[in-house]
PDB file of N, CA and C in Angstrom:
ATOM      1  N   MET A   1       7.821 -19.955  13.316  1.00  0.00           N
ATOM      2  CA  MET A   1       6.460 -19.578  12.897  1.00  0.00           C
ATOM      3  C   MET A   1       6.462 -18.092  12.453  1.00  0.00           C
ATOM      4  N   GLU A   2       6.034 -17.691  11.319  1.00  0.00           N
ATOM      5  CA  GLU A   2       5.998 -16.332  10.801  1.00  0.00           C
ATOM      6  C   GLU A   2       4.781 -15.645  11.402  1.00  0.00           C
ATOM      7  N   THR A   3       5.019 -14.471  11.937  1.00  0.00           N
ATOM      8  CA  THR A   3       3.856 -13.584  12.398  1.00  0.00           C
ATOM      9  C   THR A   3       3.386 -12.639  11.332  1.00  0.00           C
ATOM     10  N   THR A   4       2.168 -12.623  11.148  1.00  0.00           N
ATOM     11  CA  THR A   4       1.586 -11.664  10.170  1.00  0.00           C
ATOM     12  C   THR A   4       0.918 -10.483  10.984  1.00  0.00           C
ATOM     13  N   ILE A   5       1.045  -9.288  10.375  1.00  0.00           N
ATOM     14  CA  ILE A   5       0.487  -8.100  10.977  1.00  0.00           C
ATOM     15  C   ILE A   5      -0.664  -7.686  10.120  1.00  0.00           C
ATOM     16  N   ALA A   6      -1.835  -7.495  10.775  1.00  0.00           N
ATOM     17  CA  ALA A   6      -3.027  -7.056  10.113  1.00  0.00           C
ATOM     18  C   ALA A   6      -2.803  -5.679   9.544  1.00  0.00           C
ATOM     19  N   LEU A   7      -3.638  -5.390   8.402  1.00  0.00           N
ATOM     20  CA  LEU A   7      -3.587  -4.041   7.825  1.00  0.00           C
ATOM     21  C   LEU A   7      -4.161  -3.003   8.807  1.00  0.00           C
ATOM     22  N   LYS A   8      -5.232  -3.371   9.421  1.00  0.00           N
ATOM     23  CA  LYS A   8      -6.015  -2.509  10.339  1.00  0.00           C
ATOM     24  C   LYS A   8      -5.047  -2.047  11.385  1.00  0.00           C
ATOM     25  N   GLY A   9      -4.874  -0.828  11.589  1.00  0.00           N
ATOM     26  CA  GLY A   9      -4.033  -0.214  12.536  1.00  0.00           C
ATOM     27  C   GLY A   9      -2.670   0.050  12.226  1.00  0.00           C
ATOM     28  N   SER A  10      -2.248  -0.468  10.966  1.00  0.00           N
ATOM     29  CA  SER A  10      -0.950  -0.197  10.453  1.00  0.00           C
ATOM     30  C   SER A  10      -0.876   1.181   9.968  1.00  0.00           C
ATOM     31  N   LYS A  11       0.331   1.774  10.106  1.00  0.00           N
ATOM     32  CA  LYS A  11       0.630   3.116   9.682  1.00  0.00           C
ATOM     33  C   LYS A  11       0.204   3.319   8.297  1.00  0.00           C
ATOM     34  N   ASN A  12      -0.495   4.435   7.989  1.00  0.00           N
ATOM     35  CA  ASN A  12      -0.980   4.825   6.604  1.00  0.00           C
ATOM     36  C   ASN A  12      -2.146   4.059   6.048  1.00  0.00           C
ATOM     37  N   ILE A  13      -2.607   3.081   6.786  1.00  0.00           N
ATOM     38  CA  ILE A  13      -3.748   2.165   6.253  1.00  0.00           C
ATOM     39  C   ILE A  13      -5.036   2.691   6.865  1.00  0.00           C
ATOM     40  N   GLY A  14      -5.842   3.356   6.104  1.00  0.00           N
ATOM     41  CA  GLY A  14      -7.096   3.823   6.637  1.00  0.00           C
ATOM     42  C   GLY A  14      -8.148   2.769   6.221  1.00  0.00           C
ATOM     43  N   VAL A  15      -9.431   3.086   6.419  1.00  0.00           N
ATOM     44  CA  VAL A  15     -10.456   2.181   6.126  1.00  0.00           C
ATOM     45  C   VAL A  15     -10.557   1.994   4.634  1.00  0.00           C
ATOM     46  N   THR A  16     -10.530   3.070   3.831  1.00  0.00           N
ATOM     47  CA  THR A  16     -10.595   2.924   2.362  1.00  0.00           C
ATOM     48  C   THR A  16      -9.566   2.078   1.845  1.00  0.00           C
ATOM     49  N   ILE A  17      -8.283   2.421   2.177  1.00  0.00           N
ATOM     50  CA  ILE A  17      -7.203   1.714   1.593  1.00  0.00           C
ATOM     51  C   ILE A  17      -7.215   0.144   2.034  1.00  0.00           C
ATOM     52  N   GLU A  18      -7.636   0.013   3.336  1.00  0.00           N
ATOM     53  CA  GLU A  18      -7.767  -1.459   3.808  1.00  0.00           C
ATOM     54  C   GLU A  18      -8.771  -2.222   2.956  1.00  0.00           C
ATOM     55  N   LYS A  19      -9.888  -1.522   2.816  1.00  0.00           N
ATOM     56  CA  LYS A  19     -11.040  -2.191   1.976  1.00  0.00           C
ATOM     57  C   LYS A  19     -10.498  -2.493   0.534  1.00  0.00           C
ATOM     58  N   ARG A  20      -9.893  -1.587  -0.030  1.00  0.00           N
ATOM     59  CA  ARG A  20      -9.436  -1.823  -1.476  1.00  0.00           C
ATOM     60  C   ARG A  20      -8.377  -2.824  -1.551  1.00  0.00           C
ATOM     61  N   LEU A  21      -7.443  -2.890  -0.584  1.00  0.00           N
ATOM     62  CA  LEU A  21      -6.449  -4.008  -0.460  1.00  0.00           C
ATOM     63  C   LEU A  21      -7.139  -5.353  -0.324  1.00  0.00           C
ATOM     64  N   ASN A  22      -8.056  -5.337   0.582  1.00  0.00           N
ATOM     65  CA  ASN A  22      -8.791  -6.624   0.939  1.00  0.00           C
ATOM     66  C   ASN A  22      -9.472  -7.121  -0.357  1.00  0.00           C
ATOM     67  N   GLU A  23     -10.022  -6.305  -1.274  1.00  0.00           N
ATOM     68  CA  GLU A  23     -10.687  -6.640  -2.464  1.00  0.00           C
ATOM     69  C   GLU A  23      -9.753  -7.257  -3.473  1.00  0.00           C
ATOM     70  N   ILE A  24      -8.466  -7.027  -3.317  1.00  0.00           N
ATOM     71  CA  ILE A  24      -7.524  -7.772  -4.280  1.00  0.00           C
ATOM     72  C   ILE A  24      -6.733  -8.857  -3.571  1.00  0.00           C
ATOM     73  N   GLY A  25      -7.256  -9.241  -2.374  1.00  0.00           N
ATOM     74  CA  GLY A  25      -6.654 -10.364  -1.637  1.00  0.00           C
ATOM     75  C   GLY A  25      -5.462 -10.120  -0.720  1.00  0.00           C
ATOM     76  N   ILE A  26      -5.365  -8.856  -0.403  1.00  0.00           N
ATOM     77  CA  ILE A  26      -4.261  -8.517   0.640  1.00  0.00           C
ATOM     78  C   ILE A  26      -4.916  -8.176   1.959  1.00  0.00           C
ATOM     79  N   TYR A  27      -4.560  -8.930   2.964  1.00  0.00           N
ATOM     80  CA  TYR A  27      -5.231  -8.843   4.234  1.00  0.00           C
ATOM     81  C   TYR A  27      -4.161  -8.511   5.304  1.00  0.00           C
ATOM     82  N   THR A  28      -2.956  -8.679   5.051  1.00  0.00           N
ATOM     83  CA  THR A  28      -1.791  -8.452   6.000  1.00  0.00           C
ATOM     84  C   THR A  28      -0.675  -7.793   5.475  1.00  0.00           C
ATOM     85  N   LEU A  29       0.094  -7.206   6.241  1.00  0.00           N
ATOM     86  CA  LEU A  29       1.367  -6.556   5.704  1.00  0.00           C
ATOM     87  C   LEU A  29       2.313  -7.606   4.963  1.00  0.00           C
ATOM     88  N   THR A  30       2.258  -8.783   5.445  1.00  0.00           N
ATOM     89  CA  THR A  30       2.955  -9.882   4.750  1.00  0.00           C
ATOM     90  C   THR A  30       2.484 -10.091   3.388  1.00  0.00           C
ATOM     91  N   ASP A  31       1.138 -10.008   3.175  1.00  0.00           N
ATOM     92  CA  ASP A  31       0.555 -10.118   1.821  1.00  0.00           C
ATOM     93  C   ASP A  31       1.024  -8.997   1.010  1.00  0.00           C
ATOM     94  N   LEU A  32       0.993  -7.795   1.549  1.00  0.00           N
ATOM     95  CA  LEU A  32       1.349  -6.560   0.828  1.00  0.00           C
ATOM     96  C   LEU A  32       2.833  -6.686   0.390  1.00  0.00           C
ATOM     97  N   ALA A  33       3.681  -7.122   1.338  1.00  0.00           N
ATOM     98  CA  ALA A  33       5.136  -7.249   1.044  1.00  0.00           C
ATOM     99  C   ALA A  33       5.351  -8.262  -0.060  1.00  0.00           C
ATOM    100  N   GLU A  34       4.588  -9.347  -0.021  1.00  0.00           N
ATOM    101  CA  GLU A  34       4.732 -10.343  -1.151  1.00  0.00           C
ATOM    102  C   GLU A  34       4.233  -9.927  -2.496  1.00  0.00           C
ATOM    103  N   ARG A  35       3.083  -9.152  -2.488  1.00  0.00           N
ATOM    104  CA  ARG A  35       2.554  -8.662  -3.708  1.00  0.00           C
ATOM    105  C   ARG A  35       3.379  -7.374  -4.166  1.00  0.00           C
ATOM    106  N   THR A  36       3.934  -6.670  -3.367  1.00  0.00           N
ATOM    107  CA  THR A  36       4.710  -5.328  -3.523  1.00  0.00           C
ATOM    108  C   THR A  36       3.664  -4.181  -3.697  1.00  0.00           C
ATOM    109  N   PRO A  37       3.972  -3.065  -3.180  1.00  0.00           N
ATOM    110  CA  PRO A  37       3.106  -1.860  -3.295  1.00  0.00           C
ATOM    111  C   PRO A  37       2.749  -1.505  -4.794  1.00  0.00           C
ATOM    112  N   GLU A  38       3.696  -1.719  -5.593  1.00  0.00           N
ATOM    113  CA  GLU A  38       3.504  -1.336  -7.029  1.00  0.00           C
ATOM    114  C   GLU A  38       2.386  -2.267  -7.645  1.00  0.00           C
ATOM    115  N   LYS A  39       2.470  -3.519  -7.355  1.00  0.00           N
ATOM    116  CA  LYS A  39       1.450  -4.463  -7.957  1.00  0.00           C
ATOM    117  C   LYS A  39       0.094  -4.274  -7.236  1.00  0.00           C
ATOM    118  N   ALA A  40       0.162  -3.945  -5.993  1.00  0.00           N
ATOM    119  CA  ALA A  40      -1.087  -3.691  -5.242  1.00  0.00           C
ATOM    120  C   ALA A  40      -1.772  -2.452  -5.743  1.00  0.00           C
ATOM    121  N   TYR A  41      -0.990  -1.406  -5.976  1.00  0.00           N
ATOM    122  CA  TYR A  41      -1.613  -0.254  -6.609  1.00  0.00           C
ATOM    123  C   TYR A  41      -2.245  -0.516  -8.051  1.00  0.00           C
ATOM    124  N   ARG A  42      -1.601  -1.276  -8.792  1.00  0.00           N
ATOM    125  CA  ARG A  42      -2.176  -1.544 -10.178  1.00  0.00           C
ATOM    126  C   ARG A  42      -3.453  -2.382 -10.004  1.00  0.00           C
ATOM    127  N   GLY A  43      -3.426  -3.351  -9.010  1.00  0.00           N
ATOM    128  CA  GLY A  43      -4.561  -4.108  -8.785  1.00  0.00           C
ATOM    129  C   GLY A  43      -5.801  -3.384  -8.302  1.00  0.00           C
ATOM    130  N   ILE A  44      -5.472  -2.307  -7.527  1.00  0.00           N
ATOM    131  CA  ILE A  44      -6.593  -1.446  -6.985  1.00  0.00           C
ATOM    132  C   ILE A  44      -7.081  -0.639  -8.243  1.00  0.00           C
ATOM    133  N   GLY A  45      -6.171  -0.158  -9.019  1.00  0.00           N
ATOM    134  CA  GLY A  45      -6.566   0.609 -10.177  1.00  0.00           C
ATOM    135  C   GLY A  45      -7.487  -0.121 -11.169  1.00  0.00           C
ATOM    136  N   LYS A  46      -7.192  -1.423 -11.301  1.00  0.00           N
ATOM    137  CA  LYS A  46      -8.022  -2.339 -12.214  1.00  0.00           C
ATOM    138  C   LYS A  46      -9.448  -2.408 -11.581  1.00  0.00           C
ATOM    139  N   ASN A  47      -9.453  -2.434 -10.299  1.00  0.00           N
ATOM    140  CA  ASN A  47     -10.867  -2.515  -9.730  1.00  0.00           C
ATOM    141  C   ASN A  47     -11.671  -1.265  -9.789  1.00  0.00           C
ATOM    142  N   TYR A  48     -10.970  -0.089  -9.937  1.00  0.00           N
ATOM    143  CA  TYR A  48     -11.650   1.157 -10.013  1.00  0.00           C
ATOM    144  C   TYR A  48     -11.178   1.923 -11.254  1.00  0.00           C
ATOM    145  N   PRO A  49     -11.535   1.446 -12.422  1.00  0.00           N
ATOM    146  CA  PRO A  49     -11.019   2.063 -13.719  1.00  0.00           C
ATOM    147  C   PRO A  49     -11.559   3.496 -13.882  1.00  0.00           C
ATOM    148  N   ASP A  50     -12.737   3.800 -13.283  1.00  0.00           N
ATOM    149  CA  ASP A  50     -13.364   4.984 -13.525  1.00  0.00           C
ATOM    150  C   ASP A  50     -12.935   6.081 -12.486  1.00  0.00           C
ATOM    151  N   LYS A  51     -12.109   5.622 -11.430  1.00  0.00           N
ATOM    152  CA  LYS A  51     -11.668   6.545 -10.351  1.00  0.00           C
ATOM    153  C   LYS A  51     -10.255   6.935 -10.580  1.00  0.00           C
ATOM    154  N   THR A  52      -9.890   8.148 -10.077  1.00  0.00           N
ATOM    155  CA  THR A  52      -8.544   8.520 -10.075  1.00  0.00           C
ATOM    156  C   THR A  52      -7.964   7.993  -8.775  1.00  0.00           C
ATOM    157  N   ILE A  53      -6.972   7.062  -8.821  1.00  0.00           N
ATOM    158  CA  ILE A  53      -6.351   6.592  -7.656  1.00  0.00           C
ATOM    159  C   ILE A  53      -4.939   7.309  -7.558  1.00  0.00           C
ATOM    160  N   PRO A  54      -4.721   8.262  -6.628  1.00  0.00           N
ATOM    161  CA  PRO A  54      -3.542   9.052  -6.511  1.00  0.00           C
ATOM    162  C   PRO A  54      -2.261   8.155  -6.441  1.00  0.00           C
ATOM    163  N   LYS A  55      -1.580   8.078  -7.526  1.00  0.00           N
ATOM    164  CA  LYS A  55      -0.344   7.189  -7.538  1.00  0.00           C
ATOM    165  C   LYS A  55       0.551   7.430  -6.366  1.00  0.00           C
ATOM    166  N   CYS A  56       1.105   8.668  -6.210  1.00  0.00           N
ATOM    167  CA  CYS A  56       2.030   8.934  -5.150  1.00  0.00           C
ATOM    168  C   CYS A  56       1.432   8.625  -3.793  1.00  0.00           C
ATOM    169  N   TYR A  57       0.185   9.125  -3.510  1.00  0.00           N
ATOM    170  CA  TYR A  57      -0.314   8.986  -2.255  1.00  0.00           C
ATOM    171  C   TYR A  57      -0.424   7.478  -1.927  1.00  0.00           C
ATOM    172  N   TYR A  58      -0.982   6.688  -2.872  1.00  0.00           N
ATOM    173  CA  TYR A  58      -1.253   5.289  -2.610  1.00  0.00           C
ATOM    174  C   TYR A  58       0.087   4.543  -2.399  1.00  0.00           C
ATOM    175  N   LEU A  59       1.046   4.720  -3.352  1.00  0.00           N
ATOM    176  CA  LEU A  59       2.269   4.007  -3.342  1.00  0.00           C
ATOM    177  C   LEU A  59       3.109   4.440  -2.057  1.00  0.00           C
ATOM    178  N   TYR A  60       3.100   5.731  -1.802  1.00  0.00           N
ATOM    179  CA  TYR A  60       3.810   6.144  -0.592  1.00  0.00           C
ATOM    180  C   TYR A  60       3.166   5.526   0.695  1.00  0.00           C
ATOM    181  N   SER A  61       1.844   5.523   0.736  1.00  0.00           N
ATOM    182  CA  SER A  61       1.167   4.982   1.893  1.00  0.00           C
ATOM    183  C   SER A  61       1.497   3.495   2.091  1.00  0.00           C
ATOM    184  N   LEU A  62       1.357   2.674   1.038  1.00  0.00           N
ATOM    185  CA  LEU A  62       1.647   1.337   1.115  1.00  0.00           C
ATOM    186  C   LEU A  62       3.050   1.045   1.501  1.00  0.00           C
ATOM    187  N   LYS A  63       4.005   1.717   0.854  1.00  0.00           N
ATOM    188  CA  LYS A  63       5.439   1.500   1.162  1.00  0.00           C
ATOM    189  C   LYS A  63       5.686   1.888   2.630  1.00  0.00           C
ATOM    190  N   GLY A  64       5.141   3.025   3.040  1.00  0.00           N
ATOM    191  CA  GLY A  64       5.331   3.573   4.414  1.00  0.00           C
ATOM    192  C   GLY A  64       4.827   2.467   5.434  1.00  0.00           C
ATOM    193  N   ALA A  65       3.654   1.907   5.112  1.00  0.00           N
ATOM    194  CA  ALA A  65       3.069   0.814   5.938  1.00  0.00           C
ATOM    195  C   ALA A  65       4.058  -0.244   6.183  1.00  0.00           C
ATOM    196  N   LEU A  66       4.688  -0.758   5.064  1.00  0.00           N
ATOM    197  CA  LEU A  66       5.675  -1.829   5.149  1.00  0.00           C
ATOM    198  C   LEU A  66       6.896  -1.437   6.044  1.00  0.00           C
ATOM    199  N   LEU A  67       7.280  -0.093   5.951  1.00  0.00           N
ATOM    200  CA  LEU A  67       8.427   0.425   6.614  1.00  0.00           C
ATOM    201  C   LEU A  67       8.113   0.951   8.023  1.00  0.00           C
ATOM    202  N   ASP A  68       6.786   1.041   8.349  1.00  0.00           N
ATOM    203  CA  ASP A  68       6.307   1.591   9.605  1.00  0.00           C
ATOM    204  C   ASP A  68       6.621   3.035   9.765  1.00  0.00           C
ATOM    205  N   ILE A  69       6.523   3.730   8.641  1.00  0.00           N
ATOM    206  CA  ILE A  69       6.851   5.241   8.821  1.00  0.00           C
ATOM    207  C   ILE A  69       5.687   5.969   8.073  1.00  0.00           C
ATOM    208  N   ASP A  70       5.472   7.160   8.511  1.00  0.00           N
ATOM    209  CA  ASP A  70       4.419   8.007   7.847  1.00  0.00           C
ATOM    210  C   ASP A  70       4.869   8.316   6.413  1.00  0.00           C
ATOM    211  N   TRP A  71       3.860   8.170   5.497  1.00  0.00           N
ATOM    212  CA  TRP A  71       4.045   8.237   4.114  1.00  0.00           C
ATOM    213  C   TRP A  71       4.750   9.589   3.709  1.00  0.00           C
ATOM    214  N   ARG A  72       4.440  10.614   4.479  1.00  0.00           N
ATOM    215  CA  ARG A  72       5.112  11.972   4.138  1.00  0.00           C
ATOM    216  C   ARG A  72       6.579  12.055   4.567  1.00  0.00           C
ATOM    217  N   LYS A  73       7.091  11.036   5.346  1.00  0.00           N
ATOM    218  CA  LYS A  73       8.423  11.101   5.776  1.00  0.00           C
ATOM    219  C   LYS A  73       9.218   9.933   5.021  1.00  0.00           C
ATOM    220  N   LEU A  74       8.742   9.427   3.967  1.00  0.00           N
ATOM    221  CA  LEU A  74       9.657   8.433   3.128  1.00  0.00           C
ATOM    222  C   LEU A  74      10.811   9.203   2.635  1.00  0.00           C
ATOM    223  N   PRO A  75      11.993   8.628   2.668  1.00  0.00           N
ATOM    224  CA  PRO A  75      13.107   9.246   2.060  1.00  0.00           C
ATOM    225  C   PRO A  75      12.844   9.488   0.571  1.00  0.00           C
ATOM    226  N   GLU A  76      13.526  10.523   0.098  1.00  0.00           N
ATOM    227  CA  GLU A  76      13.281  10.954  -1.289  1.00  0.00           C
ATOM    228  C   GLU A  76      13.720   9.844  -2.290  1.00  0.00           C
ATOM    229  N   ASN A  77      14.759   9.064  -1.965  1.00  0.00           N
ATOM    230  CA  ASN A  77      15.184   8.114  -2.900  1.00  0.00           C
ATOM    231  C   ASN A  77      14.116   6.936  -3.022  1.00  0.00           C
ATOM    232  N   ILE A  78      13.398   6.704  -1.980  1.00  0.00           N
ATOM    233  CA  ILE A  78      12.365   5.677  -2.144  1.00  0.00           C
ATOM    234  C   ILE A  78      11.157   6.305  -2.861  1.00  0.00           C
ATOM    235  N   LYS A  79      10.762   7.542  -2.656  1.00  0.00           N
ATOM    236  CA  LYS A  79       9.754   8.196  -3.450  1.00  0.00           C
ATOM    237  C   LYS A  79      10.121   8.186  -4.931  1.00  0.00           C
ATOM    238  N   LYS A  80      11.323   8.510  -5.159  1.00  0.00           N
ATOM    239  CA  LYS A  80      11.742   8.475  -6.661  1.00  0.00           C
ATOM    240  C   LYS A  80      11.674   7.115  -7.276  1.00  0.00           C
ATOM    241  N   GLU A  81      12.027   6.023  -6.499  1.00  0.00           N
ATOM    242  CA  GLU A  81      12.014   4.697  -6.966  1.00  0.00           C
ATOM    243  C   GLU A  81      10.477   4.325  -7.240  1.00  0.00           C
ATOM    244  N   LEU A  82       9.618   4.676  -6.400  1.00  0.00           N
ATOM    245  CA  LEU A  82       8.269   4.383  -6.519  1.00  0.00           C
ATOM    246  C   LEU A  82       7.561   5.001  -7.769  1.00  0.00           C
ATOM    247  N   ARG A  83       8.095   6.281  -8.051  1.00  0.00           N
ATOM    248  CA  ARG A  83       7.506   6.996  -9.232  1.00  0.00           C
ATOM    249  C   ARG A  83       7.988   6.508 -10.533  1.00  0.00           C
ATOM    250  N   THR A  84       8.997   5.750 -10.643  1.00  0.00           N
ATOM    251  CA  THR A  84       9.520   5.281 -11.882  1.00  0.00           C
ATOM    252  C   THR A  84       8.910   3.953 -12.331  1.00  0.00           C
TER     253      THR A  84
END
């Protein structure tokens, strides 16, 4: 049986990011992993076309949540991969 981990309380996932992820159908880290941080970021952007959604901050936060590390400590190769 697969265990899912809630977004709430996950590293890098605050109230705003959790709310925005929930709006696009992502409720757990498993959901996020299946959707991928890149697709989740695009989904959030579609819901907020008039807002600037900081690409690096959101992508780094989402990837860091999956890896259980602070977004500021992501290895440079992962940051580069996310920016491309």
